[in-house]
Amino acid sequence: MIRPLRDAIAQGFSRSGVSTWLRKIQERGRVATILVYHDPSAEVFDTHLEFLRERYTIVPLDTVVDALHSGDWPTLPLPPLVLTLDDGHRGNAKLAEVLRAHDVRATIYACSGLVGTHRHFWWTHAARRAHALIELPHDQRLAALRALGFEPDQEYETPQALSLEELTRLRPWIQFGSHTRTHPILPHCDDATAWHEIEASRAELSALTTQRCDHFCFPNGDLSARDLEFVRRAGYRSARTTRVGRVREGSDPFQLPAIGVGDDDSVDMLALRLATFYSLLGSTTFRAYRHMLRRRTKRSHATRAADPHPPSAPDS
């Protein structure tokens, strides 16, 4: 029931022009949009790219990060958009032909301890407990997963991450960044574990892909001041978060905001996400606007209640 209702709302906003209006408000000035996917099908990704290419200039992540570091922000093509995919899912291999057909590049933030192996992403063995496990200290999370039968170093029958052959096939269209080695929640790790996950993954991905690994993405978007310092010290040039927003001149390249996209989103839903409608609902501005409306409504009700003889309708 929720999905059809959500899609109907998205379609209504799109056809009425509200999604476009909200998006253009969010994109005033020279701002860059970073989209976050995980494991979309080739068909969905192709449909999204058709929509996006009519409205944006799709650029590599390097282009935006270079502009932030150099101060050449005004030279960015308008309006710039970056495609990113988290984790390094095996299904991403099917996107190579889509990227080639549209002649655009994307960034995959891969887990270096899983690509090229038959190890599994830990949350796929956690069922409905994944959100609860995210809150646990690192060692307790691993213990809880082992109690569920998951072993982080086990080679399972079916791989979930990209193979070495698939990494090679994607290389012309993909820049690979780090998503740590095993996707832990970094603030819940001790110093040694956090550093190893951040630093070792950079070296491992460089070796696996024969590319420089300059960009990092915080698993689950969780980070601490220590983790930021470790990312800088490890030699990365940028780090992406899951904080909803757009990149502007002067943005911190190590706390890049982004917009999450559902892997099965319709184009209307994509348009609504680009309008950052859901984050707008929770924003300070929107809350203040709702508060103002409530106050006006209360005043109106109070005025009516205080007047026992409201004016009658005029004679026709």
Protein backbone atom coordinates (compact mmCIF):
# COMPACT_ATOMS: atom_id res chain seq x y z
CA MET A 1 0.00 0.00 0.00
CA ILE A 2 2.82 2.41 0.87
CA ARG A 3 4.62 1.98 -2.47
CA PRO A 4 1.57 2.71 -4.71
CA LEU A 5 0.68 5.73 -2.56
CA ARG A 6 4.25 7.02 -2.70
CA ASP A 7 4.37 6.61 -6.48
CA ALA A 8 1.00 8.33 -6.89
CA ILE A 9 2.23 11.31 -4.85
CA ALA A 10 5.44 11.47 -6.90
CA GLN A 11 3.47 11.35 -10.15
CA GLY A 12 1.17 14.14 -8.97
CA PHE A 13 4.08 16.37 -7.99
CA SER A 14 5.84 15.67 -11.27
CA ARG A 15 2.87 16.28 -13.58
CA SER A 16 1.86 19.44 -11.72
CA GLY A 17 5.35 20.88 -12.13
CA VAL A 18 5.93 21.08 -8.37
CA SER A 19 8.94 18.72 -8.50
CA THR A 20 10.61 20.87 -11.14
CA TRP A 21 9.84 24.08 -9.24
CA LEU A 22 11.27 22.72 -5.97
CA ARG A 23 14.34 21.33 -7.74
CA LYS A 24 15.13 24.64 -9.40
CA ILE A 25 14.85 26.43 -6.06
CA GLN A 26 17.34 23.95 -4.55
CA GLU A 27 19.70 24.40 -7.50
CA ARG A 28 19.89 28.18 -7.53
CA GLY A 29 23.45 29.32 -8.06
CA ARG A 30 26.26 27.05 -9.15
CA VAL A 31 25.68 23.83 -7.20
CA ALA A 32 26.66 20.23 -7.92
CA THR A 33 24.34 17.30 -7.30
CA ILE A 34 25.70 13.90 -6.23
CA LEU A 35 23.32 10.95 -6.55
CA VAL A 36 23.65 7.75 -4.52
CA TYR A 37 22.56 4.40 -5.94
CA HIS A 38 23.29 0.90 -4.68
CA ASP A 39 22.19 -1.90 -7.00
CA PRO A 40 19.81 -0.61 -9.70
CA SER A 41 18.86 -2.73 -12.69
CA ALA A 42 20.23 -1.74 -16.08
CA GLU A 43 16.69 -0.87 -17.22
CA VAL A 44 16.01 1.51 -14.32
CA PHE A 45 19.46 3.07 -14.59
CA ASP A 46 19.02 3.65 -18.33
CA THR A 47 15.65 5.34 -17.82
CA HIS A 48 17.10 7.53 -15.09
CA LEU A 49 20.05 8.56 -17.24
CA GLU A 50 17.75 9.58 -20.08
CA PHE A 51 15.89 11.85 -17.65
CA LEU A 52 19.06 13.20 -16.03
CA ARG A 53 20.93 13.96 -19.26
CA GLU A 54 18.10 16.25 -20.38
CA ARG A 55 18.52 18.34 -17.22
CA TYR A 56 22.14 18.06 -16.11
CA THR A 57 25.71 17.81 -17.30
CA ILE A 58 26.88 14.47 -15.91
CA VAL A 59 30.52 14.79 -14.86
CA PRO A 60 33.04 12.52 -13.11
CA LEU A 61 33.46 12.96 -9.37
CA ASP A 62 37.02 14.16 -10.02
CA THR A 63 35.65 17.21 -11.83
CA VAL A 64 33.73 18.45 -8.79
CA VAL A 65 36.45 17.57 -6.28
CA ASP A 66 39.14 19.24 -8.41
CA ALA A 67 37.04 22.42 -8.53
CA LEU A 68 36.67 22.41 -4.74
CA HIS A 69 40.39 21.95 -4.14
CA SER A 70 41.55 24.42 -6.81
CA GLY A 71 38.98 27.12 -6.24
CA ASP A 72 37.92 26.94 -9.90
CA TRP A 73 34.28 26.38 -8.99
CA PRO A 74 32.98 28.93 -11.54
CA THR A 75 34.44 26.81 -14.37
CA LEU A 76 32.14 23.85 -13.69
CA PRO A 77 29.66 23.07 -16.48
CA LEU A 78 26.07 23.86 -15.54
CA PRO A 79 24.33 22.18 -13.89
CA PRO A 80 26.82 19.45 -12.84
CA LEU A 81 25.69 16.05 -11.58
CA VAL A 82 27.77 13.09 -10.32
CA LEU A 83 26.63 9.46 -10.31
CA THR A 84 27.81 7.26 -7.44
CA LEU A 85 27.02 3.70 -6.39
CA ASP A 86 27.76 2.28 -2.95
CA ASP A 87 29.20 -1.11 -1.93
CA GLY A 88 30.29 -2.67 -5.23
CA HIS A 89 27.33 -5.00 -5.80
CA ARG A 90 27.76 -7.62 -8.49
CA GLY A 91 24.72 -6.26 -10.31
CA ASN A 92 26.70 -3.09 -11.03
CA ALA A 93 28.52 -5.01 -13.76
CA LYS A 94 25.37 -4.81 -15.89
CA LEU A 95 25.59 -1.02 -15.91
CA ALA A 96 28.70 -0.86 -18.11
CA GLU A 97 26.68 -0.92 -21.33
CA VAL A 98 24.29 1.72 -20.02
CA LEU A 99 27.15 4.05 -19.13
CA ARG A 100 28.78 3.41 -22.51
CA ALA A 101 25.53 4.11 -24.38
CA HIS A 102 25.11 7.44 -22.58
CA ASP A 103 28.85 8.19 -22.69
CA VAL A 104 29.05 9.10 -19.01
CA ARG A 105 31.20 7.96 -16.09
CA ALA A 106 30.24 7.07 -12.53
CA THR A 107 31.97 6.28 -9.25
CA ILE A 108 31.58 2.99 -7.41
CA TYR A 109 32.56 3.07 -3.75
CA ALA A 110 33.57 -0.56 -3.28
CA CYS A 111 34.34 -2.63 -0.20
CA SER A 112 37.85 -3.89 -0.93
CA GLY A 113 37.51 -6.91 1.35
CA LEU A 114 34.53 -8.21 -0.63
CA VAL A 115 35.14 -7.43 -4.32
CA GLY A 116 36.89 -10.29 -6.06
CA THR A 117 35.68 -12.77 -3.40
CA HIS A 118 32.63 -14.84 -2.48
CA ARG A 119 32.29 -13.11 0.89
CA HIS A 120 28.95 -11.52 1.65
CA PHE A 121 27.76 -8.10 2.76
CA TRP A 122 27.04 -8.53 6.46
CA TRP A 123 23.58 -6.92 6.44
CA THR A 124 22.25 -9.48 3.97
CA HIS A 125 22.50 -12.04 6.79
CA ALA A 126 20.92 -9.81 9.42
CA ALA A 127 17.38 -9.82 8.02
CA ARG A 128 15.28 -7.28 9.93
CA ARG A 129 17.94 -6.83 12.61
CA ALA A 130 20.29 -4.81 10.42
CA HIS A 131 19.15 -1.44 11.77
CA ALA A 132 19.55 -2.62 15.36
CA LEU A 133 23.00 -4.08 14.66
CA ILE A 134 24.19 -0.78 13.20
CA GLU A 135 23.90 0.74 16.67
CA LEU A 136 26.15 -1.86 18.35
CA PRO A 137 29.88 -1.52 19.04
CA HIS A 138 31.91 -3.21 16.30
CA ASP A 139 32.83 -6.37 18.24
CA GLN A 140 29.29 -6.83 19.53
CA ARG A 141 27.88 -6.50 16.01
CA LEU A 142 30.24 -9.20 14.73
CA ALA A 143 29.33 -11.46 17.67
CA ALA A 144 25.62 -10.98 16.96
CA LEU A 145 26.17 -11.79 13.28
CA ARG A 146 28.08 -14.95 14.15
CA ALA A 147 25.16 -15.99 16.34
CA LEU A 148 23.03 -15.66 13.20
CA GLY A 149 25.43 -17.91 11.29
CA PHE A 150 27.38 -15.24 9.43
CA GLU A 151 31.18 -15.32 9.19
CA PRO A 152 32.82 -12.24 7.61
CA ASP A 153 35.67 -14.23 6.04
CA GLN A 154 33.58 -17.14 4.77
CA GLU A 155 33.57 -17.77 1.02
CA TYR A 156 29.94 -18.48 0.18
CA GLU A 157 28.67 -20.35 -2.86
CA THR A 158 27.29 -17.25 -4.58
CA PRO A 159 29.22 -13.96 -4.71
CA GLN A 160 27.48 -10.70 -3.86
CA ALA A 161 30.22 -8.27 -4.88
CA LEU A 162 31.91 -7.55 -8.21
CA SER A 163 34.45 -10.09 -9.45
CA LEU A 164 37.95 -9.15 -10.58
CA GLU A 165 36.91 -9.68 -14.20
CA GLU A 166 33.92 -7.38 -13.72
CA LEU A 167 36.11 -4.71 -12.13
CA THR A 168 38.27 -4.78 -15.26
CA ARG A 169 35.27 -4.62 -17.58
CA LEU A 170 33.86 -1.60 -15.74
CA ARG A 171 37.12 0.32 -15.61
CA PRO A 172 36.59 2.49 -18.75
CA TRP A 173 33.34 3.87 -17.28
CA ILE A 174 33.92 3.69 -13.54
CA GLN A 175 36.20 5.41 -11.10
CA PHE A 176 36.54 3.24 -8.02
CA GLY A 177 36.50 4.77 -4.56
CA SER A 178 36.73 3.17 -1.14
CA HIS A 179 33.81 2.15 1.05
CA THR A 180 36.21 0.62 3.62
CA ARG A 181 37.18 -3.05 3.55
CA THR A 182 34.11 -4.69 5.13
CA HIS A 183 31.54 -1.90 5.65
CA PRO A 184 31.77 -1.47 9.44
CA ILE A 185 30.15 1.46 11.21
CA LEU A 186 33.31 3.47 11.73
CA PRO A 187 32.38 5.48 14.86
CA HIS A 188 31.72 2.15 16.62
CA CYS A 189 35.23 0.83 15.80
CA ASP A 190 38.36 1.26 17.90
CA ASP A 191 41.19 3.36 16.47
CA ALA A 192 43.16 0.43 15.05
CA THR A 193 40.16 -1.12 13.29
CA ALA A 194 38.92 2.19 11.87
CA TRP A 195 42.37 3.10 10.54
CA HIS A 196 42.85 -0.32 8.94
CA GLU A 197 39.43 -0.21 7.28
CA ILE A 198 40.12 3.26 5.86
CA GLU A 199 43.81 3.06 4.95
CA ALA A 200 44.13 -0.55 3.80
CA SER A 201 41.09 -0.34 1.53
CA ARG A 202 42.73 2.46 -0.45
CA ALA A 203 45.83 0.38 -1.16
CA GLU A 204 43.82 -2.76 -1.91
CA LEU A 205 41.49 -1.04 -4.38
CA SER A 206 44.38 0.64 -6.16
CA ALA A 207 45.97 -2.78 -6.63
CA LEU A 208 42.72 -4.48 -7.69
CA THR A 209 41.67 -1.83 -10.22
CA THR A 210 45.07 -0.42 -11.28
CA GLN A 211 43.54 3.04 -10.65
CA ARG A 212 44.30 5.72 -8.12
CA CYS A 213 41.84 5.48 -5.25
CA ASP A 214 41.28 9.12 -4.32
CA HIS A 215 37.74 9.11 -2.97
CA PHE A 216 36.10 7.65 0.13
CA CYS A 217 32.53 7.09 1.27
CA PHE A 218 31.51 6.62 4.91
CA PRO A 219 29.53 3.37 5.43
CA ASN A 220 25.95 4.17 6.36
CA GLY A 221 26.99 7.84 6.33
CA ASP A 222 28.24 7.56 9.92
CA LEU A 223 31.43 9.41 10.83
CA SER A 224 33.27 11.03 13.71
CA ALA A 225 35.97 13.70 13.89
CA ARG A 226 38.50 10.89 14.24
CA ASP A 227 37.26 9.20 11.07
CA LEU A 228 37.50 12.45 9.13
CA GLU A 229 41.09 12.86 10.28
CA PHE A 230 41.93 9.27 9.32
CA VAL A 231 40.49 9.78 5.81
CA ARG A 232 42.61 12.88 5.29
CA ARG A 233 45.71 11.20 6.71
CA ALA A 234 45.22 8.14 4.47
CA GLY A 235 45.63 10.34 1.39
CA TYR A 236 42.11 10.55 0.01
CA ARG A 237 41.03 13.75 -1.77
CA SER A 238 37.34 13.58 -0.88
CA ALA A 239 34.77 11.75 1.21
CA ARG A 240 31.04 11.45 0.57
CA THR A 241 28.40 11.30 3.26
CA THR A 242 24.68 10.51 3.17
CA ARG A 243 23.70 13.97 4.42
CA VAL A 244 21.04 15.27 2.03
CA GLY A 245 22.08 18.36 0.14
CA ARG A 246 24.10 19.74 -2.74
CA VAL A 247 27.75 20.67 -3.11
CA ARG A 248 28.46 24.39 -3.26
CA GLU A 249 31.54 26.52 -3.67
CA GLY A 250 33.47 26.25 -0.42
CA SER A 251 31.91 22.93 0.61
CA ASP A 252 34.18 20.63 2.61
CA PRO A 253 35.45 18.00 0.11
CA PHE A 254 35.63 15.51 3.00
CA GLN A 255 31.95 15.87 3.93
CA LEU A 256 30.23 15.91 0.55
CA PRO A 257 26.42 15.87 0.76
CA ALA A 258 24.37 13.79 -1.64
CA ILE A 259 20.86 12.68 -2.60
CA GLY A 260 19.89 9.04 -2.19
CA VAL A 261 17.94 7.33 -4.98
CA GLY A 262 15.95 4.12 -4.62
CA ASP A 263 17.20 1.36 -6.90
CA ASP A 264 13.68 0.79 -8.23
CA ASP A 265 12.51 4.42 -8.26
CA SER A 266 10.28 5.58 -11.08
CA VAL A 267 11.35 8.68 -12.99
CA ASP A 268 8.67 10.65 -11.15
CA MET A 269 10.12 9.49 -7.83
CA LEU A 270 13.62 10.43 -9.01
CA ALA A 271 12.33 13.91 -9.83
CA LEU A 272 10.83 14.21 -6.35
CA ARG A 273 14.10 13.12 -4.73
CA LEU A 274 16.00 15.70 -6.77
CA ALA A 275 13.61 18.27 -5.33
CA THR A 276 14.78 17.01 -1.89
CA PHE A 277 11.10 16.97 -0.96
CA TYR A 278 11.45 14.53 1.93
CA SER A 279 14.33 16.39 3.52
CA LEU A 280 12.42 19.64 3.01
CA LEU A 281 9.58 18.23 5.10
CA GLY A 282 11.94 17.94 8.03
CA SER A 283 13.88 21.14 7.45
CA THR A 284 13.95 24.05 9.86
CA THR A 285 12.41 26.33 7.23
CA PHE A 286 9.51 23.99 6.58
CA ARG A 287 8.93 23.42 10.31
CA ALA A 288 8.86 27.19 10.85
CA TYR A 289 6.39 27.55 7.98
CA ARG A 290 4.12 24.87 9.45
CA HIS A 291 4.37 26.53 12.87
CA MET A 292 3.32 29.85 11.35
CA LEU A 293 0.32 28.23 9.65
CA ARG A 294 -0.74 26.58 12.91
CA ARG A 295 -0.55 29.90 14.75
CA ARG A 296 -2.64 31.62 12.10
CA THR A 297 -5.19 28.81 12.21
CA LYS A 298 -5.43 29.01 16.00
CA ARG A 299 -5.87 32.79 15.84
CA SER A 300 -8.62 32.39 13.26
CA HIS A 301 -10.44 29.81 15.40
CA ALA A 302 -10.05 32.01 18.49
CA THR A 303 -11.50 35.02 16.66
CA ARG A 304 -14.51 33.04 15.49
CA ALA A 305 -15.12 31.63 18.97
CA ALA A 306 -14.94 35.10 20.54
CA ASP A 307 -17.60 36.53 18.20
CA PRO A 308 -20.99 35.01 19.14
CA HIS A 309 -22.74 36.88 16.31
CA PRO A 310 -20.77 36.44 13.12
CA PRO A 311 -21.99 38.54 10.19
CA SER A 312 -24.75 36.98 8.15
CA ALA A 313 -24.42 36.42 4.46
CA PRO A 314 -25.49 39.38 2.32
CA ASP A 315 -28.90 39.27 0.71
CA SER A 316 -28.84 38.12 -2.85
